[in-house]
C-alpha atoms as a PDB file:
ATOM      1  CA  MET A   1     -11.379  10.684  -6.953  1.00  0.00           C
ATOM      2  CA  PRO A   2     -11.915   7.451  -8.881  1.00  0.00           C
ATOM      3  CA  HIS A   3      -9.733   4.494  -8.016  1.00  0.00           C
ATOM      4  CA  GLU A   4      -8.040   2.116 -10.388  1.00  0.00           C
ATOM      5  CA  TRP A   5      -7.364  -0.871  -8.164  1.00  0.00           C
ATOM      6  CA  VAL A   6      -4.683  -3.319  -9.270  1.00  0.00           C
ATOM      7  CA  GLY A   7      -4.331  -6.635  -7.453  1.00  0.00           C
ATOM      8  CA  VAL A   8      -1.108  -8.422  -6.632  1.00  0.00           C
ATOM      9  CA  PRO A   9      -0.945 -12.242  -6.346  1.00  0.00           C
ATOM     10  CA  LYS A  10      -2.949 -13.337  -3.303  1.00  0.00           C
ATOM     11  CA  SER A  11      -1.408 -14.897  -0.214  1.00  0.00           C
ATOM     12  CA  GLU A  12      -2.845 -17.225   2.390  1.00  0.00           C
ATOM     13  CA  TYR A  13      -3.929 -14.167   4.409  1.00  0.00           C
ATOM     14  CA  GLY A  14      -5.941 -12.406   1.746  1.00  0.00           C
ATOM     15  CA  GLU A  15      -5.310  -9.985  -1.044  1.00  0.00           C
ATOM     16  CA  GLN A  16      -3.713  -6.599  -1.498  1.00  0.00           C
ATOM     17  CA  LEU A  17      -4.656  -4.028  -4.099  1.00  0.00           C
ATOM     18  CA  TRP A  18      -3.068  -0.702  -4.956  1.00  0.00           C
ATOM     19  CA  ASP A  19      -4.544   2.311  -6.688  1.00  0.00           C
ATOM     20  CA  ARG A  20      -2.862   3.251  -9.960  1.00  0.00           C
ATOM     21  CA  GLN A  21      -4.495   6.698  -9.774  1.00  0.00           C
ATOM     22  CA  SER A  22      -2.947   7.469  -6.402  1.00  0.00           C
ATOM     23  CA  ILE A  23       0.759   7.171  -7.244  1.00  0.00           C
ATOM     24  CA  ASN A  24       2.750  10.248  -6.267  1.00  0.00           C
ATOM     25  CA  ARG A  25       6.468  10.899  -6.193  1.00  0.00           C
ATOM     26  CA  ASN A  26       7.665  12.258  -2.848  1.00  0.00           C
ATOM     27  CA  GLU A  27      10.384  14.893  -2.528  1.00  0.00           C
ATOM     28  CA  ASP A  28      12.854  12.295  -1.233  1.00  0.00           C
ATOM     29  CA  GLY A  29      12.372  10.180  -4.361  1.00  0.00           C
ATOM     30  CA  SER A  30      10.148   7.583  -2.714  1.00  0.00           C
ATOM     31  CA  VAL A  31       6.709   6.799  -4.098  1.00  0.00           C
ATOM     32  CA  ARG A  32       3.429   7.255  -2.204  1.00  0.00           C
ATOM     33  CA  VAL A  33       0.507   5.008  -3.068  1.00  0.00           C
ATOM     34  CA  LEU A  34      -2.869   4.061  -1.622  1.00  0.00           C
ATOM     35  CA  SER A  35      -3.400   0.354  -1.124  1.00  0.00           C
ATOM     36  CA  LYS A  36      -5.961  -1.809   0.578  1.00  0.00           C
ATOM     37  CA  PHE A  37      -5.901  -5.176   2.240  1.00  0.00           C
ATOM     38  CA  ILE A  38      -8.858  -7.535   1.963  1.00  0.00           C
ATOM     39  CA  PRO A  39      -8.553 -10.314   4.544  1.00  0.00           C
ATOM     40  CA  LYS A  40      -9.332 -13.834   3.429  1.00  0.00           C
ATOM     41  CA  THR A  41     -11.785 -14.386   6.252  1.00  0.00           C
ATOM     42  CA  LYS A  42     -14.107 -11.432   6.086  1.00  0.00           C
ATOM     43  CA  SER A  43     -16.858 -10.933   8.606  1.00  0.00           C
ATOM     44  CA  GLU A  44     -19.685  -8.443   8.236  1.00  0.00           C
ATOM     45  CA  ILE A  45     -17.912  -5.925  10.419  1.00  0.00           C
ATOM     46  CA  THR A  46     -14.571  -6.186   8.684  1.00  0.00           C
ATOM     47  CA  LYS A  47     -14.024  -3.230   6.417  1.00  0.00           C
ATOM     48  CA  ASP A  48     -11.281  -3.046   3.843  1.00  0.00           C
ATOM     49  CA  ILE A  49      -8.267  -1.475   5.502  1.00  0.00           C
ATOM     50  CA  LEU A  50      -6.732   1.375   3.503  1.00  0.00           C
ATOM     51  CA  TYR A  51      -2.996   1.960   3.743  1.00  0.00           C
ATOM     52  CA  THR A  52      -1.192   4.959   2.412  1.00  0.00           C
ATOM     53  CA  MET A  53       2.332   3.724   1.986  1.00  0.00           C
ATOM     54  CA  ASP A  54       5.617   5.193   0.887  1.00  0.00           C
ATOM     55  CA  ILE A  55       7.851   2.871  -1.109  1.00  0.00           C
ATOM     56  CA  ASN A  56      11.592   3.150  -1.555  1.00  0.00           C
ATOM     57  CA  CYS A  57      12.163   1.360  -4.857  1.00  0.00           C
ATOM     58  CA  PHE A  58      15.954   1.204  -4.452  1.00  0.00           C
ATOM     59  CA  GLU A  59      15.951  -0.394  -1.019  1.00  0.00           C
ATOM     60  CA  LYS A  60      12.662  -2.310  -1.490  1.00  0.00           C
ATOM     61  CA  SER A  61      11.485  -0.859   1.807  1.00  0.00           C
ATOM     62  CA  PHE A  62       8.172   0.707   2.753  1.00  0.00           C
ATOM     63  CA  ARG A  63       6.428   2.629   5.485  1.00  0.00           C
ATOM     64  CA  ASP A  64       2.755   3.033   6.286  1.00  0.00           C
ATOM     65  CA  VAL A  65       2.086   6.743   6.662  1.00  0.00           C
ATOM     66  CA  ASP A  66      -1.648   6.261   7.193  1.00  0.00           C
ATOM     67  CA  VAL A  67      -3.898   3.335   8.029  1.00  0.00           C
ATOM     68  CA  SER A  68      -7.643   3.874   8.057  1.00  0.00           C
ATOM     69  CA  ILE A  69     -10.975   2.423   7.015  1.00  0.00           C
ATOM     70  CA  ASP A  70     -12.119   5.756   5.658  1.00  0.00           C
ATOM     71  CA  GLU A  71     -10.246   8.015   3.251  1.00  0.00           C
ATOM     72  CA  ALA A  72     -11.905  11.114   4.682  1.00  0.00           C
ATOM     73  CA  ASN A  73     -10.155  10.572   8.000  1.00  0.00           C
ATOM     74  CA  SER A  74      -6.597  10.292   6.751  1.00  0.00           C
ATOM     75  CA  ASN A  75      -4.017  11.388   9.269  1.00  0.00           C
ATOM     76  CA  PHE A  76      -0.603  11.204   7.667  1.00  0.00           C
ATOM     77  CA  ASN A  77       2.431  10.403   9.774  1.00  0.00           C
ATOM     78  CA  ASP A  78       5.430  11.471   7.742  1.00  0.00           C
ATOM     79  CA  LEU A  79       7.718  10.347  10.545  1.00  0.00           C
ATOM     80  CA  ALA A  80       6.766   6.683  10.230  1.00  0.00           C
ATOM     81  CA  ASN A  81       9.729   4.332  10.216  1.00  0.00           C
ATOM     82  CA  TRP A  82      10.910   2.574   7.080  1.00  0.00           C
ATOM     83  CA  GLU A  83      10.439  -1.171   7.268  1.00  0.00           C
ATOM     84  CA  ASP A  84      11.663  -4.236   5.448  1.00  0.00           C
ATOM     85  CA  PRO A  85       8.826  -6.328   3.941  1.00  0.00           C
ATOM     86  CA  ASN A  86      10.300  -9.382   5.685  1.00  0.00           C
ATOM     87  CA  GLY A  87       9.210 -11.693   2.910  1.00  0.00           C
ATOM     88  CA  ASP A  88       5.559 -10.557   3.010  1.00  0.00           C
ATOM     89  CA  LYS A  89       4.382 -11.600  -0.447  1.00  0.00           C
ATOM     90  CA  LEU A  90       1.606  -9.008  -0.575  1.00  0.00           C
ATOM     91  CA  ILE A  91       3.840  -6.057   0.260  1.00  0.00           C
ATOM     92  CA  LEU A  92       6.588  -7.328  -2.035  1.00  0.00           C
ATOM     93  CA  GLY A  93       3.979  -7.599  -4.788  1.00  0.00           C
ATOM     94  CA  VAL A  94       2.867  -4.001  -4.313  1.00  0.00           C
ATOM     95  CA  ILE A  95       6.470  -2.743  -4.200  1.00  0.00           C
ATOM     96  CA  GLY A  96       7.362  -4.669  -7.353  1.00  0.00           C
ATOM     97  CA  GLN A  97       4.371  -3.495  -9.360  1.00  0.00           C
ATOM     98  CA  VAL A  98       4.410   0.130  -8.217  1.00  0.00           C
ATOM     99  CA  CYS A  99       8.141   0.489  -8.839  1.00  0.00           C
ATOM    100  CA  ARG A 100       7.754  -0.968 -12.349  1.00  0.00           C
ATOM    101  CA  VAL A 101       5.032   1.577 -13.124  1.00  0.00           C
ATOM    102  CA  GLU A 102       6.986   4.487 -11.674  1.00  0.00           C
ATOM    103  CA  ASN A 103      10.391   3.842 -13.248  1.00  0.00           C
END
């Protein structure tokens, strides 16, 4: 499946992108999206980390239901806990952009 990566404003830690093609509405009304984090300091062995995250647009909360370096090995945890972004600019950027697209 082709990706359409959209970047949010970078932070001092690196950058976060989300895939416009991956947005799905969950049964509970939250939004599921694939995103990836590219660390600022990248060594040869560092791969982009892929996160499948659910976003609650009303509460501005999120949960990572899968974290992997390889899409083929996704292992979704639908019991992951909802979390507050705690001021994380990258996560807040993803939540803001995805929720604007979805609503």
